[in-house]
Amino acid sequence: MKTSNQGHNTDNVVDLFTGKTFSQLHDERFIRLAPELDGLEMLYSNDASSDKLFSLKILCWGLKANGEVVGLVPWLNDIVPCPDICDPLNGHWEGYYDQGIDDVFFEAPIHKVIELETAAEYYELQCEHEDDIVQELPDTIGTHAVLATPTTNRLSLMEVISWRLLNSGKIYGMLTDHTKVISTPVLPGDDCLYAAQTNDNFRYFFQHQIANKIKAEDPEALAAISMLVDGV
């Protein structure tokens, strides 16, 4: 996939948040996504339960401009590469997991690498602006966004309809603005969708297991989400 380059020398310009040069960030941006449809998971651990491993469904695989392919998961308030996860309990990535054959591995599956590289070469998308839409995938793992309204002290859960990749490499979880719905079902690319991360009331993403516990008013789940929201 070919994307426009601004043509500026950014080797000496450093991003304050990541400590990387802008040229490094440009090379590490995502240029193509492929959905994970076989149930592969990410394994992680944290310091609070150092003797346990936890798992999350992988949403998709992403190809970076530098050729690297990694799994991606909704994590706290963003979608992040599996090897880069970090959480308040000092979470650590432990690898990818194929439950069907009980196998742990650390590199993207070769069939996903081939799929991404082939698709990127085939489409050769030309983009002029950073906010041009490169690709949009439906959410296949039941991701929900938690929105909090401080003035009313209320939480609401909204299903993530899709994930939108922009030319800048940013990936946004898309939610439905119900005041703009014209027809149903709401599908990826619909004009009524907006990016969760741009909503001032957005707090976190959760996969459906936790979202369902919150909907059912599970005491432990409600206590955990309240702590997270209060800490924002």
Protein backbone atom coordinates (compact mmCIF):
# COMPACT_ATOMS: atom_id res chain seq x y z
CA MET A 1 0.00 0.00 0.00
CA LYS A 2 1.37 3.37 -0.94
CA THR A 3 0.57 6.43 1.13
CA SER A 4 1.64 10.00 0.69
CA ASN A 5 4.82 11.18 2.43
CA GLN A 6 5.06 14.77 3.60
CA GLY A 7 8.64 14.97 2.35
CA HIS A 8 9.98 16.62 5.50
CA ASN A 9 13.12 15.49 7.31
CA THR A 10 11.79 14.39 10.69
CA ASP A 11 14.76 12.31 11.83
CA ASN A 12 15.67 14.88 14.51
CA VAL A 13 12.13 15.61 15.71
CA VAL A 14 11.11 13.58 18.76
CA ASP A 15 7.58 12.88 19.97
CA LEU A 16 7.35 13.81 23.66
CA PHE A 17 4.98 10.97 24.55
CA THR A 18 6.82 8.06 22.95
CA GLY A 19 10.42 9.31 22.76
CA LYS A 20 10.54 8.19 19.12
CA THR A 21 11.38 10.33 16.13
CA PHE A 22 8.52 11.25 13.82
CA SER A 23 10.13 9.19 11.07
CA GLN A 24 10.12 6.15 13.38
CA LEU A 25 6.46 6.72 14.18
CA HIS A 26 5.71 7.08 10.47
CA ASP A 27 7.36 3.71 9.79
CA GLU A 28 5.46 2.09 12.65
CA ARG A 29 2.01 3.30 11.58
CA PHE A 30 -0.52 0.69 10.50
CA ILE A 31 -1.28 0.53 6.79
CA ARG A 32 -3.47 -2.58 6.54
CA LEU A 33 -5.67 -4.71 8.79
CA ALA A 34 -6.89 -8.32 8.56
CA PRO A 35 -9.66 -9.66 10.83
CA GLU A 36 -8.93 -12.57 13.16
CA LEU A 37 -11.61 -15.16 12.37
CA ASP A 38 -10.22 -18.32 13.98
CA GLY A 39 -10.49 -17.35 17.64
CA LEU A 40 -6.81 -16.76 18.34
CA GLU A 41 -6.12 -15.02 21.62
CA MET A 42 -3.57 -12.86 23.39
CA LEU A 43 -2.10 -14.12 26.67
CA TYR A 44 -1.04 -11.69 29.38
CA SER A 45 -0.16 -11.64 33.07
CA ASN A 46 -0.10 -8.96 35.73
CA ASP A 47 1.74 -8.40 39.00
CA ALA A 48 -1.41 -8.76 41.11
CA SER A 49 -1.82 -12.38 39.97
CA SER A 50 1.67 -13.38 38.94
CA ASP A 51 0.82 -17.09 39.01
CA LYS A 52 -2.00 -16.76 36.46
CA LEU A 53 -2.34 -16.13 32.75
CA PHE A 54 -5.29 -14.26 31.26
CA SER A 55 -6.52 -14.19 27.69
CA LEU A 56 -8.30 -11.77 25.35
CA LYS A 57 -9.69 -12.42 21.91
CA ILE A 58 -7.55 -10.86 19.18
CA LEU A 59 -9.58 -8.43 17.09
CA CYS A 60 -7.36 -8.30 14.04
CA TRP A 61 -3.81 -8.34 12.72
CA GLY A 62 -2.09 -5.17 11.57
CA LEU A 63 0.65 -4.57 9.01
CA LYS A 64 2.94 -1.66 9.80
CA ALA A 65 4.71 0.45 7.21
CA ASN A 66 8.01 -1.14 8.28
CA GLY A 67 6.67 -4.63 7.43
CA GLU A 68 6.01 -5.83 10.99
CA VAL A 69 2.77 -7.73 11.64
CA VAL A 70 1.20 -7.83 15.11
CA GLY A 71 -2.07 -8.78 16.73
CA LEU A 72 -4.32 -5.99 17.98
CA VAL A 73 -6.73 -5.92 20.93
CA PRO A 74 -9.01 -3.27 22.44
CA TRP A 75 -7.14 -2.43 25.66
CA LEU A 76 -8.31 0.14 28.20
CA ASN A 77 -9.02 3.30 26.17
CA ASP A 78 -7.48 2.34 22.82
CA ILE A 79 -6.68 -0.50 20.45
CA VAL A 80 -3.07 -1.56 20.89
CA PRO A 81 -0.52 -4.06 19.56
CA CYS A 82 -0.46 -7.13 21.78
CA PRO A 83 3.30 -6.88 22.56
CA ASP A 84 2.80 -3.28 23.77
CA ILE A 85 0.05 -3.80 26.35
CA CYS A 86 0.31 -2.01 29.66
CA ASP A 87 -2.24 -1.71 32.46
CA PRO A 88 -2.56 -0.31 36.00
CA LEU A 89 -1.47 -3.66 37.44
CA ASN A 90 1.66 -3.73 35.28
CA GLY A 91 0.29 -6.10 32.66
CA HIS A 92 2.73 -8.07 30.55
CA TRP A 93 2.21 -9.63 27.13
CA GLU A 94 2.98 -13.36 27.27
CA GLY A 95 2.32 -14.41 23.67
CA TYR A 96 -0.40 -15.47 21.27
CA TYR A 97 -2.54 -18.53 21.98
CA ASP A 98 -4.35 -21.01 19.75
CA GLN A 99 -6.89 -22.68 22.01
CA GLY A 100 -7.81 -25.27 19.40
CA ILE A 101 -4.37 -26.90 19.50
CA ASP A 102 -3.23 -25.53 22.87
CA ASP A 103 -0.27 -23.75 21.32
CA VAL A 104 1.53 -20.59 22.46
CA PHE A 105 3.49 -18.61 19.85
CA PHE A 106 5.14 -15.22 19.58
CA GLU A 107 5.05 -14.22 15.91
CA ALA A 108 2.07 -13.47 13.70
CA PRO A 109 0.80 -16.57 11.82
CA ILE A 110 2.37 -16.80 8.38
CA HIS A 111 -1.04 -16.99 6.67
CA LYS A 112 -1.95 -13.61 8.18
CA VAL A 113 1.38 -12.10 7.16
CA ILE A 114 0.83 -13.28 3.59
CA GLU A 115 -2.78 -12.05 3.60
CA LEU A 116 -1.77 -8.58 4.76
CA GLU A 117 1.22 -8.19 2.48
CA THR A 118 -0.73 -9.42 -0.54
CA ALA A 119 -3.69 -7.14 0.17
CA ALA A 120 -1.46 -4.11 0.72
CA GLU A 121 0.30 -4.72 -2.58
CA TYR A 122 -2.94 -5.38 -4.44
CA TYR A 123 -4.83 -2.27 -3.36
CA GLU A 124 -1.91 0.23 -3.49
CA LEU A 125 -4.16 2.90 -2.00
CA GLN A 126 -3.15 6.52 -2.63
CA CYS A 127 -4.09 8.90 0.17
CA GLU A 128 -3.58 12.65 0.36
CA HIS A 129 -4.76 13.44 3.89
CA GLU A 130 -4.07 11.85 7.27
CA ASP A 131 -7.76 11.44 8.02
CA ASP A 132 -8.53 9.62 4.75
CA ILE A 133 -10.17 6.26 5.49
CA VAL A 134 -7.95 3.36 4.43
CA GLN A 135 -10.06 0.47 5.70
CA GLU A 136 -12.96 -0.39 8.02
CA LEU A 137 -13.51 -3.78 9.66
CA PRO A 138 -16.61 -4.96 11.52
CA ASP A 139 -16.11 -5.75 15.19
CA THR A 140 -16.22 -9.54 15.60
CA ILE A 141 -15.45 -9.96 19.32
CA GLY A 142 -18.33 -8.09 20.96
CA THR A 143 -16.41 -4.99 21.99
CA HIS A 144 -18.32 -2.38 24.00
CA ALA A 145 -17.36 1.18 24.88
CA VAL A 146 -18.02 2.60 28.32
CA LEU A 147 -19.19 6.22 28.32
CA ALA A 148 -19.36 8.21 31.55
CA THR A 149 -21.24 11.46 32.09
CA PRO A 150 -19.64 13.20 35.10
CA THR A 151 -22.57 15.59 35.66
CA THR A 152 -25.05 12.74 36.15
CA ASN A 153 -22.61 10.13 37.49
CA ARG A 154 -24.02 7.60 35.03
CA LEU A 155 -22.34 4.96 32.88
CA SER A 156 -23.59 3.68 29.55
CA LEU A 157 -22.42 0.82 27.35
CA MET A 158 -22.42 1.03 23.57
CA GLU A 159 -21.58 -1.71 21.09
CA VAL A 160 -18.62 -1.02 18.82
CA ILE A 161 -19.85 -1.51 15.27
CA SER A 162 -16.53 -1.36 13.44
CA TRP A 163 -12.87 -0.32 13.54
CA ARG A 164 -11.72 2.37 11.13
CA LEU A 165 -8.08 2.67 9.96
CA LEU A 166 -7.02 6.11 8.80
CA ASN A 167 -4.10 7.09 6.58
CA SER A 168 -2.33 8.42 9.69
CA GLY A 169 -2.23 4.87 11.04
CA LYS A 170 -4.73 5.60 13.81
CA ILE A 171 -7.48 3.07 14.46
CA TYR A 172 -10.82 4.18 15.87
CA GLY A 173 -13.66 2.17 17.40
CA MET A 174 -16.87 3.36 15.73
CA LEU A 175 -20.08 3.89 17.70
CA THR A 176 -23.62 4.63 16.59
CA ASP A 177 -25.11 8.10 16.93
CA HIS A 178 -28.71 6.99 17.25
CA THR A 179 -30.01 10.44 16.32
CA LYS A 180 -28.51 9.99 12.86
CA VAL A 181 -29.64 6.43 12.08
CA ILE A 182 -31.61 6.27 8.83
CA SER A 183 -31.73 2.52 8.24
CA THR A 184 -30.90 -0.63 10.14
CA PRO A 185 -28.87 -2.67 10.71
CA VAL A 186 -26.08 -0.15 11.13
CA LEU A 187 -23.11 -1.42 9.12
CA PRO A 188 -19.44 -0.39 8.87
CA GLY A 189 -19.09 2.83 6.92
CA ASP A 190 -22.54 4.15 7.86
CA ASP A 191 -22.78 7.94 8.12
CA CYS A 192 -24.22 7.65 11.62
CA LEU A 193 -20.98 6.25 13.04
CA TYR A 194 -18.47 8.28 15.02
CA ALA A 195 -15.14 7.51 16.69
CA ALA A 196 -15.36 6.54 20.36
CA GLN A 197 -11.94 7.99 21.15
CA THR A 198 -13.11 11.46 20.07
CA ASN A 199 -16.03 11.48 22.53
CA ASP A 200 -15.18 13.39 25.73
CA ASN A 201 -17.30 10.93 27.74
CA PHE A 202 -15.51 7.84 26.43
CA ARG A 203 -13.55 5.92 29.05
CA TYR A 204 -12.74 2.30 28.16
CA PHE A 205 -13.29 -0.60 25.79
CA PHE A 206 -14.44 -3.96 27.14
CA GLN A 207 -15.02 -7.28 25.43
CA HIS A 208 -18.48 -8.78 25.70
CA GLN A 209 -17.84 -10.98 28.77
CA ILE A 210 -17.17 -7.96 30.98
CA ALA A 211 -19.79 -5.84 29.21
CA ASN A 212 -22.44 -8.47 29.93
CA LYS A 213 -21.47 -8.54 33.62
CA ILE A 214 -21.82 -4.77 33.77
CA LYS A 215 -25.22 -4.96 32.06
CA ALA A 216 -26.29 -7.61 34.59
CA GLU A 217 -25.08 -5.31 37.39
CA ASP A 218 -22.57 -7.85 38.66
CA PRO A 219 -21.22 -6.31 41.91
CA GLU A 220 -17.56 -7.07 41.23
CA ALA A 221 -17.75 -5.76 37.66
CA LEU A 222 -19.52 -2.58 38.76
CA ALA A 223 -17.00 -1.99 41.52
CA ALA A 224 -14.10 -2.45 39.10
CA ILE A 225 -15.53 -0.11 36.46
CA SER A 226 -16.34 2.50 39.09
CA MET A 227 -12.73 2.48 40.26
CA LEU A 228 -11.50 2.88 36.70
CA VAL A 229 -13.89 5.71 35.88
CA ASP A 230 -13.23 7.52 39.16
CA GLY A 231 -9.54 7.38 38.36
CA VAL A 232 -9.96 9.23 35.06
